[in-house]
Amino acid sequence: MSAFVAGSFDAMPRSHFGRALGIALLLEILAVGVWLLHGYFMPQPAPGLRRAPIQIHMVILAPHPKPIVRPRPKPVVKPRPHIVHHVVPIPRPVPKKPVARSKPLPKQPPPPMPVASPEQAATAVDRYAVMIRTRIQKGLRVPAAVRALGLSGRAVIAFKLTPRGRLLWARVARSSGFGPIDRACLAAVQERLYPPFTKHMPHHALRFDVTVSLHDQNQY
């Protein structure tokens, strides 16, 4: 190595030769020192002992297993209960057997009314005429025109009644000579309610002629 260094530095100028030589020597000394230190610090095997061979175990790693994907369990669908609708028949009405009814007894005609004598009938009619004339006279109202003139008079009113007391018709049979008095007397007959005939009166409609008197000083 020193020959190499010396050969290398032959071509250099002499001014640098000494310096290069010193550097080469220094490097060589450092190399020797390093080698000596290495030999000193390295542990020496004991006499008669051999170094145990180093065993190298090759471990072959198995490939990483893929995760097992388990299928998801399907949801259990509970069966719906089978509902059976029983149609209950509507009970039909049992026709009732006709009850044997006893035949109604024939209606017996009402007992005949006792026949009144002509005298009894005439008396009953006269009494009835007096009664209804009293009612007509009490219901008479004096018109304002008659009251203003101070008139008075009488009129005969003819009318016909049924046995039940229903008025069939009415009219002036004999006038008083004053229209307002006749109309007031006729209205008194038409506006009244009459009772049925009495038992001794005839059972048919009758005509009555009633004299109605109008006096302003007595009528209100």
Protein backbone atom coordinates (compact mmCIF):
# COMPACT_ATOMS: atom_id res chain seq x y z
CA MET A 1 0.00 0.00 0.00
CA SER A 2 2.87 2.39 0.77
CA ALA A 3 4.44 1.59 -2.60
CA PHE A 4 1.14 2.49 -4.23
CA VAL A 5 1.01 5.71 -2.31
CA ALA A 6 4.60 6.46 -3.17
CA GLY A 7 3.97 5.73 -6.82
CA SER A 8 1.00 7.93 -6.74
CA PHE A 9 2.79 10.81 -5.32
CA ASP A 10 5.78 10.67 -7.77
CA ALA A 11 3.95 12.75 -10.21
CA MET A 12 2.99 15.32 -7.58
CA PRO A 13 5.18 18.34 -6.93
CA ARG A 14 7.57 18.06 -4.14
CA SER A 15 5.82 20.65 -2.11
CA HIS A 16 2.92 18.29 -1.65
CA PHE A 17 4.82 15.09 -1.42
CA GLY A 18 5.54 15.33 2.23
CA ARG A 19 2.03 16.10 3.08
CA ALA A 20 0.65 13.21 1.08
CA LEU A 21 3.14 10.87 2.62
CA GLY A 22 2.10 11.91 6.08
CA ILE A 23 -1.53 11.36 5.29
CA ALA A 24 -0.82 7.91 3.88
CA LEU A 25 1.10 6.93 6.95
CA LEU A 26 -1.63 8.19 9.18
CA LEU A 27 -4.25 6.18 7.31
CA GLU A 28 -2.18 3.06 7.51
CA ILE A 29 -1.69 3.50 11.24
CA LEU A 30 -5.45 3.98 11.71
CA ALA A 31 -6.19 0.84 9.71
CA VAL A 32 -3.79 -1.23 11.82
CA GLY A 33 -5.24 0.21 15.00
CA VAL A 34 -8.76 -0.63 13.96
CA TRP A 35 -7.73 -4.16 13.16
CA LEU A 36 -6.04 -4.58 16.50
CA LEU A 37 -9.02 -3.19 18.38
CA HIS A 38 -11.32 -5.48 16.53
CA GLY A 39 -9.24 -8.49 17.46
CA TYR A 40 -9.03 -7.41 21.07
CA PHE A 41 -12.72 -6.80 21.66
CA MET A 42 -14.07 -9.78 19.74
CA PRO A 43 -14.88 -12.69 22.17
CA GLN A 44 -12.66 -15.72 21.54
CA PRO A 45 -14.27 -19.13 21.72
CA ALA A 46 -13.12 -21.33 24.56
CA PRO A 47 -10.64 -24.08 23.63
CA GLY A 48 -12.36 -27.29 22.79
CA LEU A 49 -15.74 -25.65 22.15
CA ARG A 50 -17.35 -25.33 18.83
CA ARG A 51 -19.91 -22.91 17.89
CA ALA A 52 -23.34 -24.43 17.78
CA PRO A 53 -24.80 -24.34 14.38
CA ILE A 54 -27.60 -21.85 14.00
CA GLN A 55 -30.82 -23.56 13.14
CA ILE A 56 -33.12 -21.64 11.00
CA HIS A 57 -36.74 -22.78 11.00
CA MET A 58 -38.65 -21.79 7.94
CA VAL A 59 -42.24 -21.17 8.91
CA ILE A 60 -44.59 -21.16 6.00
CA LEU A 61 -47.57 -19.05 6.86
CA ALA A 62 -50.80 -20.44 5.67
CA PRO A 63 -52.88 -18.05 3.67
CA HIS A 64 -55.32 -16.05 5.77
CA PRO A 65 -58.63 -17.87 5.60
CA LYS A 66 -61.42 -15.98 4.08
CA PRO A 67 -64.20 -15.16 6.50
CA ILE A 68 -67.10 -17.52 6.22
CA VAL A 69 -70.15 -15.56 5.29
CA ARG A 70 -73.09 -17.30 6.75
CA PRO A 71 -76.41 -16.59 5.10
CA ARG A 72 -78.78 -14.57 7.16
CA PRO A 73 -81.64 -16.60 8.50
CA LYS A 74 -84.86 -15.87 6.75
CA PRO A 75 -87.52 -14.34 8.99
CA VAL A 76 -89.97 -16.90 10.11
CA VAL A 77 -93.40 -15.93 8.87
CA LYS A 78 -95.99 -17.06 11.32
CA PRO A 79 -98.99 -18.50 9.57
CA ARG A 80 -102.11 -16.50 10.01
CA PRO A 81 -104.87 -18.26 11.86
CA HIS A 82 -107.50 -19.55 9.57
CA ILE A 83 -110.73 -17.98 10.68
CA VAL A 84 -113.81 -19.75 9.59
CA HIS A 85 -116.91 -17.59 9.56
CA HIS A 86 -119.93 -19.63 10.31
CA VAL A 87 -123.00 -18.15 8.77
CA VAL A 88 -125.75 -18.43 11.27
CA PRO A 89 -128.98 -18.85 9.40
CA ILE A 90 -131.62 -16.35 10.28
CA PRO A 91 -134.45 -18.18 11.91
CA ARG A 92 -137.51 -17.92 9.85
CA PRO A 93 -140.63 -16.97 11.70
CA VAL A 94 -142.79 -19.92 12.27
CA PRO A 95 -146.17 -19.18 10.82
CA LYS A 96 -148.69 -19.08 13.53
CA LYS A 97 -151.55 -21.37 13.17
CA PRO A 98 -154.75 -19.50 12.80
CA VAL A 99 -156.62 -19.58 16.00
CA ALA A 100 -160.02 -20.84 15.53
CA ARG A 101 -162.22 -17.98 16.43
CA SER A 102 -165.73 -18.40 17.37
CA LYS A 103 -168.11 -16.86 14.98
CA PRO A 104 -169.39 -13.58 16.27
CA LEU A 105 -172.92 -13.62 17.24
CA PRO A 106 -175.11 -11.63 14.95
CA LYS A 107 -175.70 -8.20 16.29
CA GLN A 108 -179.08 -7.85 17.66
CA PRO A 109 -180.91 -4.81 16.47
CA PRO A 110 -181.42 -2.18 19.14
CA PRO A 111 -184.77 -2.28 20.74
CA PRO A 112 -187.23 -0.14 18.90
CA MET A 113 -187.76 3.28 20.28
CA PRO A 114 -191.09 3.71 21.85
CA VAL A 115 -193.36 5.40 19.42
CA ALA A 116 -194.69 8.63 20.87
CA SER A 117 -198.25 9.58 20.34
CA PRO A 118 -198.97 12.59 18.12
CA GLU A 119 -199.81 14.62 21.19
CA GLN A 120 -196.48 13.75 22.83
CA ALA A 121 -194.55 14.53 19.65
CA ALA A 122 -196.26 17.92 19.23
CA THR A 123 -195.57 18.83 22.85
CA ALA A 124 -191.90 17.82 22.55
CA VAL A 125 -191.48 19.91 19.37
CA ASP A 126 -193.09 22.95 20.98
CA ARG A 127 -190.81 22.69 24.00
CA TYR A 128 -187.75 22.31 21.78
CA ALA A 129 -188.80 25.35 19.72
CA VAL A 130 -189.13 27.49 22.85
CA MET A 131 -185.69 26.35 24.06
CA ILE A 132 -183.87 27.19 20.83
CA ARG A 133 -185.74 30.51 20.44
CA THR A 134 -184.45 31.52 23.88
CA ARG A 135 -180.88 30.71 22.80
CA ILE A 136 -181.26 32.65 19.56
CA GLN A 137 -182.71 35.69 21.30
CA LYS A 138 -179.87 35.74 23.87
CA GLY A 139 -177.25 35.56 21.13
CA LEU A 140 -178.71 38.45 19.14
CA ARG A 141 -176.36 41.39 18.66
CA VAL A 142 -177.59 44.90 17.65
CA PRO A 143 -175.67 46.29 14.65
CA ALA A 144 -174.02 49.70 15.08
CA ALA A 145 -176.25 51.23 12.37
CA VAL A 146 -179.43 50.05 14.15
CA ARG A 147 -178.15 51.34 17.48
CA ALA A 148 -177.26 54.69 15.93
CA LEU A 149 -180.79 55.10 14.45
CA GLY A 150 -182.56 53.71 17.54
CA LEU A 151 -184.54 51.19 15.42
CA SER A 152 -186.35 48.11 16.67
CA GLY A 153 -188.39 45.37 15.02
CA ARG A 154 -189.04 41.65 14.64
CA ALA A 155 -188.39 39.13 11.87
CA VAL A 156 -189.52 35.55 11.44
CA ILE A 157 -186.61 33.24 10.53
CA ALA A 158 -187.34 29.83 9.05
CA PHE A 159 -184.63 27.11 9.35
CA LYS A 160 -184.32 23.32 9.28
CA LEU A 161 -182.48 21.07 11.75
CA THR A 162 -181.50 17.38 11.70
CA PRO A 163 -182.21 15.11 14.70
CA ARG A 164 -178.58 15.63 15.76
CA GLY A 165 -179.09 19.42 15.84
CA ARG A 166 -177.21 20.29 12.62
CA LEU A 167 -178.46 23.38 10.75
CA LEU A 168 -179.32 22.59 7.13
CA TRP A 169 -180.48 26.02 5.96
CA ALA A 170 -181.94 29.30 7.24
CA ARG A 171 -183.76 32.25 5.61
CA VAL A 172 -185.93 35.23 6.46
CA ALA A 173 -189.58 34.05 6.28
CA ARG A 174 -191.09 37.43 7.22
CA SER A 175 -189.12 40.65 7.13
CA SER A 176 -189.18 43.35 9.79
CA GLY A 177 -189.15 46.02 7.09
CA PHE A 178 -185.56 47.01 7.85
CA GLY A 179 -182.69 45.24 6.16
CA PRO A 180 -180.21 45.66 9.08
CA ILE A 181 -182.71 44.12 11.50
CA ASP A 182 -183.43 41.16 9.16
CA ARG A 183 -179.75 40.46 8.68
CA ALA A 184 -179.08 40.64 12.44
CA CYS A 185 -181.92 38.18 13.16
CA LEU A 186 -180.76 35.79 10.44
CA ALA A 187 -177.14 35.91 11.73
CA ALA A 188 -178.39 35.09 15.23
CA VAL A 189 -179.95 31.85 13.88
CA GLN A 190 -176.96 30.86 11.71
CA GLU A 191 -174.36 31.36 14.46
CA ARG A 192 -176.02 29.16 17.12
CA LEU A 193 -175.31 25.54 18.15
CA TYR A 194 -178.40 23.41 18.66
CA PRO A 195 -178.91 20.33 20.87
CA PRO A 196 -180.17 17.00 19.48
CA PHE A 197 -183.85 16.25 19.43
CA THR A 198 -185.49 14.78 22.52
CA LYS A 199 -186.67 11.17 22.59
CA HIS A 200 -190.33 12.00 21.85
CA MET A 201 -189.55 14.16 18.82
CA PRO A 202 -189.69 12.74 15.27
CA HIS A 203 -186.50 11.08 13.97
CA HIS A 204 -186.23 13.21 10.85
CA ALA A 205 -185.31 16.80 10.02
CA LEU A 206 -187.81 19.45 11.11
CA ARG A 207 -188.49 23.02 10.06
CA PHE A 208 -188.80 25.72 12.67
CA ASP A 209 -190.19 29.27 12.31
CA VAL A 210 -188.88 31.48 15.11
CA THR A 211 -189.78 35.13 15.69
CA VAL A 212 -186.67 37.13 16.61
CA SER A 213 -187.22 40.56 18.18
CA LEU A 214 -184.67 43.34 18.17
CA HIS A 215 -185.10 46.18 20.65
CA ASP A 216 -182.18 48.56 21.03
CA GLN A 217 -182.98 49.40 24.65
CA ASN A 218 -182.85 45.71 25.67
CA GLN A 219 -180.07 44.29 23.49
CA TYR A 220 -176.38 44.68 24.38
